[in-house]
Amino acid sequence: MDENPKIIPISFAPLDFLVAMVCLALVIPL
């Protein structure tokens, strides 16, 4: 269970990117 250093599904990659973009978009204006 502890062996997952770079095992990230391609389906979750864009999701994480979108989440990061949304967080930045909310933080930058503030």
N, C-alpha and C. Protein backbone atom coordinates (compact mmCIF):
# COMPACT_ATOMS: atom_id res chain seq x y z
N MET A 1 0.83 -1.21 0.00
CA MET A 1 0.00 0.00 0.00
C MET A 1 0.88 1.27 0.00
N ASP A 2 2.10 1.12 0.51
CA ASP A 2 2.99 2.28 0.59
C ASP A 2 3.83 2.45 -0.68
N GLU A 3 3.61 1.58 -1.66
CA GLU A 3 4.40 1.67 -2.89
C GLU A 3 3.60 2.40 -3.97
N ASN A 4 3.53 3.73 -3.86
CA ASN A 4 2.81 4.51 -4.88
C ASN A 4 3.43 5.90 -4.99
N PRO A 5 4.72 5.95 -5.41
CA PRO A 5 5.41 7.24 -5.53
C PRO A 5 4.95 8.04 -6.75
N LYS A 6 4.83 7.37 -7.89
CA LYS A 6 4.44 8.07 -9.11
C LYS A 6 3.30 7.35 -9.82
N ILE A 7 2.54 6.56 -9.06
CA ILE A 7 1.43 5.81 -9.68
C ILE A 7 0.17 6.66 -9.64
N ILE A 8 0.07 7.63 -10.58
CA ILE A 8 -1.11 8.49 -10.63
C ILE A 8 -1.87 8.22 -11.93
N PRO A 9 -3.12 7.79 -11.84
CA PRO A 9 -3.92 7.52 -13.04
C PRO A 9 -4.03 8.76 -13.92
N ILE A 10 -4.07 8.54 -15.24
CA ILE A 10 -4.18 9.66 -16.18
C ILE A 10 -5.52 10.39 -16.01
N SER A 11 -6.50 9.65 -15.49
CA SER A 11 -7.83 10.25 -15.33
C SER A 11 -7.83 11.30 -14.22
N PHE A 12 -6.95 11.10 -13.23
CA PHE A 12 -6.92 12.02 -12.09
C PHE A 12 -5.98 13.19 -12.35
N ALA A 13 -5.11 13.07 -13.34
CA ALA A 13 -4.14 14.14 -13.61
C ALA A 13 -4.86 15.45 -13.96
N PRO A 14 -5.76 15.46 -14.94
CA PRO A 14 -6.47 16.69 -15.30
C PRO A 14 -7.33 17.20 -14.15
N LEU A 15 -7.87 16.27 -13.36
CA LEU A 15 -8.71 16.68 -12.23
C LEU A 15 -7.88 17.49 -11.24
N ASP A 16 -6.70 16.99 -10.91
CA ASP A 16 -5.83 17.72 -9.97
C ASP A 16 -5.45 19.07 -10.56
N PHE A 17 -5.19 19.10 -11.86
CA PHE A 17 -4.81 20.36 -12.52
C PHE A 17 -5.95 21.37 -12.43
N LEU A 18 -7.17 20.90 -12.68
CA LEU A 18 -8.33 21.80 -12.61
C LEU A 18 -8.51 22.33 -11.20
N VAL A 19 -8.35 21.45 -10.22
CA VAL A 19 -8.49 21.87 -8.81
C VAL A 19 -7.45 22.92 -8.47
N ALA A 20 -6.22 22.70 -8.92
CA ALA A 20 -5.14 23.66 -8.64
C ALA A 20 -5.45 25.00 -9.30
N MET A 21 -5.93 24.97 -10.53
CA MET A 21 -6.25 26.20 -11.25
C MET A 21 -7.36 26.97 -10.53
N VAL A 22 -8.38 26.24 -10.07
CA VAL A 22 -9.50 26.89 -9.36
C VAL A 22 -8.99 27.53 -8.07
N CYS A 23 -8.15 26.81 -7.34
CA CYS A 23 -7.60 27.34 -6.08
C CYS A 23 -6.80 28.60 -6.37
N LEU A 24 -5.96 28.57 -7.41
CA LEU A 24 -5.15 29.74 -7.75
C LEU A 24 -6.05 30.90 -8.16
N ALA A 25 -7.08 30.61 -8.94
CA ALA A 25 -7.98 31.66 -9.41
C ALA A 25 -8.70 32.32 -8.22
N LEU A 26 -8.95 31.54 -7.17
CA LEU A 26 -9.64 32.10 -6.00
C LEU A 26 -8.65 32.84 -5.10
N VAL A 27 -7.38 32.42 -5.11
CA VAL A 27 -6.39 33.03 -4.21
C VAL A 27 -5.77 34.28 -4.83
N ILE A 28 -5.53 34.27 -6.14
CA ILE A 28 -4.87 35.41 -6.80
C ILE A 28 -5.66 36.71 -6.61
N PRO A 29 -6.96 36.74 -6.89
CA PRO A 29 -7.74 37.99 -6.73
C PRO A 29 -7.78 38.46 -5.28
N LEU A 30 -7.77 37.52 -4.34
CA LEU A 30 -7.82 37.91 -2.92
C LEU A 30 -6.45 38.46 -2.50
